[in-house]
C-alpha atoms as a PDB file:
ATOM      1  CA  MET A   1     -55.199  -3.391  96.471  1.00  0.00           C
ATOM      2  CA  PRO A   2     -51.835  -5.071  95.891  1.00  0.00           C
ATOM      3  CA  VAL A   3     -49.246  -2.512  94.879  1.00  0.00           C
ATOM      4  CA  ASP A   4     -46.358  -3.338  92.546  1.00  0.00           C
ATOM      5  CA  PHE A   5     -43.475  -3.757  94.986  1.00  0.00           C
ATOM      6  CA  ASN A   6     -40.678  -2.537  92.702  1.00  0.00           C
ATOM      7  CA  LEU A   7     -42.513   0.663  91.784  1.00  0.00           C
ATOM      8  CA  ALA A   8     -43.489   1.225  95.426  1.00  0.00           C
ATOM      9  CA  GLU A   9     -39.858   0.785  96.415  1.00  0.00           C
ATOM     10  CA  ALA A  10     -38.959   3.509  93.901  1.00  0.00           C
ATOM     11  CA  GLY A  11     -41.605   5.823  95.370  1.00  0.00           C
ATOM     12  CA  TYR A  12     -44.580   5.309  93.029  1.00  0.00           C
ATOM     13  CA  GLN A  13     -47.937   3.888  94.074  1.00  0.00           C
ATOM     14  CA  CYS A  14     -49.345   1.853  91.200  1.00  0.00           C
ATOM     15  CA  GLU A  15     -51.655  -1.066  91.713  1.00  0.00           C
ATOM     16  CA  GLU A  16     -50.705  -4.246  89.868  1.00  0.00           C
ATOM     17  CA  LYS A  17     -54.071  -4.356  88.111  1.00  0.00           C
ATOM     18  CA  ASN A  18     -53.308  -0.964  86.489  1.00  0.00           C
ATOM     19  CA  ILE A  19     -50.038  -2.187  84.965  1.00  0.00           C
ATOM     20  CA  ASP A  20     -50.139  -3.867  81.568  1.00  0.00           C
ATOM     21  CA  GLU A  21     -46.935  -5.882  81.873  1.00  0.00           C
ATOM     22  CA  THR A  22     -47.408  -7.506  78.463  1.00  0.00           C
ATOM     23  CA  THR A  23     -47.414  -4.126  76.706  1.00  0.00           C
ATOM     24  CA  ALA A  24     -44.473  -2.884  78.783  1.00  0.00           C
ATOM     25  CA  ASN A  25     -42.438  -6.002  78.003  1.00  0.00           C
ATOM     26  CA  GLU A  26     -43.314  -5.748  74.301  1.00  0.00           C
ATOM     27  CA  LEU A  27     -42.163  -2.110  74.259  1.00  0.00           C
ATOM     28  CA  LYS A  28     -38.929  -3.047  76.088  1.00  0.00           C
ATOM     29  CA  MET A  29     -38.231  -5.746  73.495  1.00  0.00           C
ATOM     30  CA  TRP A  30     -38.979  -3.206  70.756  1.00  0.00           C
ATOM     31  CA  LEU A  31     -36.389  -0.881  72.304  1.00  0.00           C
ATOM     32  CA  ASP A  32     -33.800  -3.658  72.473  1.00  0.00           C
ATOM     33  CA  ASN A  33     -34.299  -4.590  68.807  1.00  0.00           C
ATOM     34  CA  THR A  34     -34.696  -1.175  67.144  1.00  0.00           C
ATOM     35  CA  PHE A  35     -31.468   0.489  66.049  1.00  0.00           C
ATOM     36  CA  ASN A  36     -32.385   4.171  66.463  1.00  0.00           C
ATOM     37  CA  LEU A  37     -34.028   3.647  69.846  1.00  0.00           C
ATOM     38  CA  TYR A  38     -31.187   1.547  71.162  1.00  0.00           C
ATOM     39  CA  ARG A  39     -28.726   4.208  70.027  1.00  0.00           C
ATOM     40  CA  THR A  40     -30.651   6.766  72.104  1.00  0.00           C
ATOM     41  CA  TYR A  41     -30.514   4.316  75.027  1.00  0.00           C
ATOM     42  CA  TYR A  42     -26.727   4.779  75.114  1.00  0.00           C
ATOM     43  CA  PHE A  43     -27.143   8.513  75.663  1.00  0.00           C
ATOM     44  CA  TRP A  44     -29.429   7.808  78.634  1.00  0.00           C
ATOM     45  CA  ILE A  45     -26.779   5.474  80.084  1.00  0.00           C
ATOM     46  CA  LYS A  46     -24.117   8.143  79.665  1.00  0.00           C
ATOM     47  CA  ASN A  47     -26.341  10.772  81.290  1.00  0.00           C
ATOM     48  CA  TYR A  48     -27.096   8.586  84.324  1.00  0.00           C
ATOM     49  CA  ALA A  49     -23.419   7.584  84.639  1.00  0.00           C
ATOM     50  CA  ARG A  50     -22.517  11.286  84.863  1.00  0.00           C
ATOM     51  CA  LYS A  51     -25.173  11.798  87.527  1.00  0.00           C
ATOM     52  CA  MET A  52     -23.929   8.770  89.493  1.00  0.00           C
ATOM     53  CA  LYS A  53     -20.379  10.084  89.403  1.00  0.00           C
ATOM     54  CA  ARG A  54     -21.517  13.487  90.727  1.00  0.00           C
ATOM     55  CA  GLY A  55     -23.664  11.795  93.367  1.00  0.00           C
ATOM     56  CA  VAL A  56     -26.965  13.339  92.260  1.00  0.00           C
ATOM     57  CA  TYR A  57     -28.555  10.206  90.727  1.00  0.00           C
ATOM     58  CA  THR A  58     -31.998   9.343  92.108  1.00  0.00           C
ATOM     59  CA  LYS A  59     -33.788   6.237  90.882  1.00  0.00           C
ATOM     60  CA  LYS A  60     -37.239   7.802  91.298  1.00  0.00           C
ATOM     61  CA  LEU A  61     -36.313  10.741  89.069  1.00  0.00           C
ATOM     62  CA  ALA A  62     -34.599   8.423  86.583  1.00  0.00           C
ATOM     63  CA  ILE A  63     -37.810   6.392  86.229  1.00  0.00           C
ATOM     64  CA  LYS A  64     -39.836   9.567  85.836  1.00  0.00           C
ATOM     65  CA  GLY A  65     -37.439  10.900  83.190  1.00  0.00           C
ATOM     66  CA  ILE A  66     -37.581   7.692  81.166  1.00  0.00           C
ATOM     67  CA  ALA A  67     -41.382   7.374  81.544  1.00  0.00           C
ATOM     68  CA  ASN A  68     -42.048  10.973  80.494  1.00  0.00           C
ATOM     69  CA  ASN A  69     -39.390  11.451  77.809  1.00  0.00           C
ATOM     70  CA  PHE A  70     -38.079   8.170  76.399  1.00  0.00           C
ATOM     71  CA  ALA A  71     -41.155   5.906  76.747  1.00  0.00           C
ATOM     72  CA  PRO A  72     -43.309   8.127  74.476  1.00  0.00           C
ATOM     73  CA  GLN A  73     -40.580   7.966  71.831  1.00  0.00           C
ATOM     74  CA  ILE A  74     -40.571   4.157  72.052  1.00  0.00           C
ATOM     75  CA  MET A  75     -44.373   4.057  71.897  1.00  0.00           C
ATOM     76  CA  ARG A  76     -44.488   6.313  68.807  1.00  0.00           C
ATOM     77  CA  ASP A  77     -41.983   4.149  66.992  1.00  0.00           C
ATOM     78  CA  TYR A  78     -43.816   0.956  67.975  1.00  0.00           C
ATOM     79  CA  LYS A  79     -47.168   2.434  66.978  1.00  0.00           C
ATOM     80  CA  LYS A  80     -45.924   3.238  63.449  1.00  0.00           C
ATOM     81  CA  ALA A  81     -45.054  -0.403  62.806  1.00  0.00           C
ATOM     82  CA  ASN A  82     -47.597  -2.323  64.865  1.00  0.00           C
ATOM     83  CA  GLY A  83     -50.347  -0.043  66.101  1.00  0.00           C
ATOM     84  CA  LEU A  84     -50.779   0.638  69.773  1.00  0.00           C
ATOM     85  CA  GLY A  85     -53.687   1.807  71.861  1.00  0.00           C
ATOM     86  CA  THR A  86     -53.413   4.100  74.827  1.00  0.00           C
ATOM     87  CA  VAL A  87     -50.926   3.278  77.558  1.00  0.00           C
ATOM     88  CA  ASN A  88     -51.714   4.381  81.100  1.00  0.00           C
ATOM     89  CA  LYS A  89     -49.346   6.147  83.480  1.00  0.00           C
ATOM     90  CA  CYS A  90     -48.607   3.080  85.604  1.00  0.00           C
ATOM     91  CA  THR A  91     -47.618   1.058  82.534  1.00  0.00           C
ATOM     92  CA  LYS A  92     -45.278   3.870  81.440  1.00  0.00           C
ATOM     93  CA  LEU A  93     -43.749   3.948  84.929  1.00  0.00           C
ATOM     94  CA  TYR A  94     -43.325   0.165  84.847  1.00  0.00           C
ATOM     95  CA  LEU A  95     -41.593   0.445  81.453  1.00  0.00           C
ATOM     96  CA  GLY A  96     -39.429   3.225  82.908  1.00  0.00           C
ATOM     97  CA  LEU A  97     -38.514   0.969  85.836  1.00  0.00           C
ATOM     98  CA  GLU A  98     -37.551  -1.871  83.477  1.00  0.00           C
ATOM     99  CA  ILE A  99     -35.345   0.446  81.403  1.00  0.00           C
ATOM    100  CA  VAL A 100     -33.738   2.059  84.474  1.00  0.00           C
ATOM    101  CA  ASP A 101     -32.978  -1.392  85.896  1.00  0.00           C
ATOM    102  CA  SER A 102     -31.282  -2.291  82.582  1.00  0.00           C
ATOM    103  CA  ILE A 103     -29.311   0.949  82.632  1.00  0.00           C
ATOM    104  CA  GLU A 104     -28.177   0.392  86.218  1.00  0.00           C
ATOM    105  CA  GLU A 105     -27.141  -3.160  85.351  1.00  0.00           C
ATOM    106  CA  ASP A 106     -25.184  -1.963  82.303  1.00  0.00           C
ATOM    107  CA  ILE A 107     -23.408   0.675  84.403  1.00  0.00           C
ATOM    108  CA  LYS A 108     -22.655  -1.904  87.096  1.00  0.00           C
ATOM    109  CA  ASN A 109     -21.280  -4.438  84.588  1.00  0.00           C
ATOM    110  CA  GLU A 110     -18.880  -1.853  83.182  1.00  0.00           C
ATOM    111  CA  SER A 111     -17.562   1.021  85.258  1.00  0.00           C
ATOM    112  CA  ILE A 112     -18.920   4.549  85.446  1.00  0.00           C
ATOM    113  CA  GLU A 113     -15.635   5.702  83.917  1.00  0.00           C
ATOM    114  CA  TYR A 114     -16.189   3.392  80.934  1.00  0.00           C
ATOM    115  CA  TRP A 115     -19.570   4.958  80.190  1.00  0.00           C
ATOM    116  CA  LEU A 116     -18.260   8.486  80.626  1.00  0.00           C
ATOM    117  CA  LYS A 117     -15.579   7.836  77.986  1.00  0.00           C
ATOM    118  CA  PHE A 118     -17.910   5.818  75.736  1.00  0.00           C
ATOM    119  CA  GLU A 119     -18.648   7.380  72.369  1.00  0.00           C
ATOM    120  CA  VAL A 120     -21.363   6.018  70.121  1.00  0.00           C
ATOM    121  CA  PRO A 121     -19.638   5.248  66.813  1.00  0.00           C
ATOM    122  CA  HIS A 122     -21.027   6.864  63.685  1.00  0.00           C
ATOM    123  CA  GLY A 123     -23.326   4.502  61.898  1.00  0.00           C
ATOM    124  CA  TYR A 124     -24.008   2.537  65.075  1.00  0.00           C
END
């Protein structure tokens, strides 16, 4: 019963055999290369930057928020173009973890203040 270490560290108990990493990675690449989804990604960064500044950011809740709210949006968009079967909860959580790690890295590379002032340009 090996448990995915990164998800366990975030507070979720998902066995590695229940995670479809290939699907999660494909969905993450779809997010990175789809304009409308990537534009939404910036709003998630801004939201988490605000929470970090206030001191109320929790990685476990961030993963849950992405897995329950943003991952289904990514899956719907991917399904329209490529078809997609069902995705289990652990795969959604893994995708959420991957996205949250990217968000945290983006916030770390710039400053929290940068993301709080950041405005998504029209047409971007």
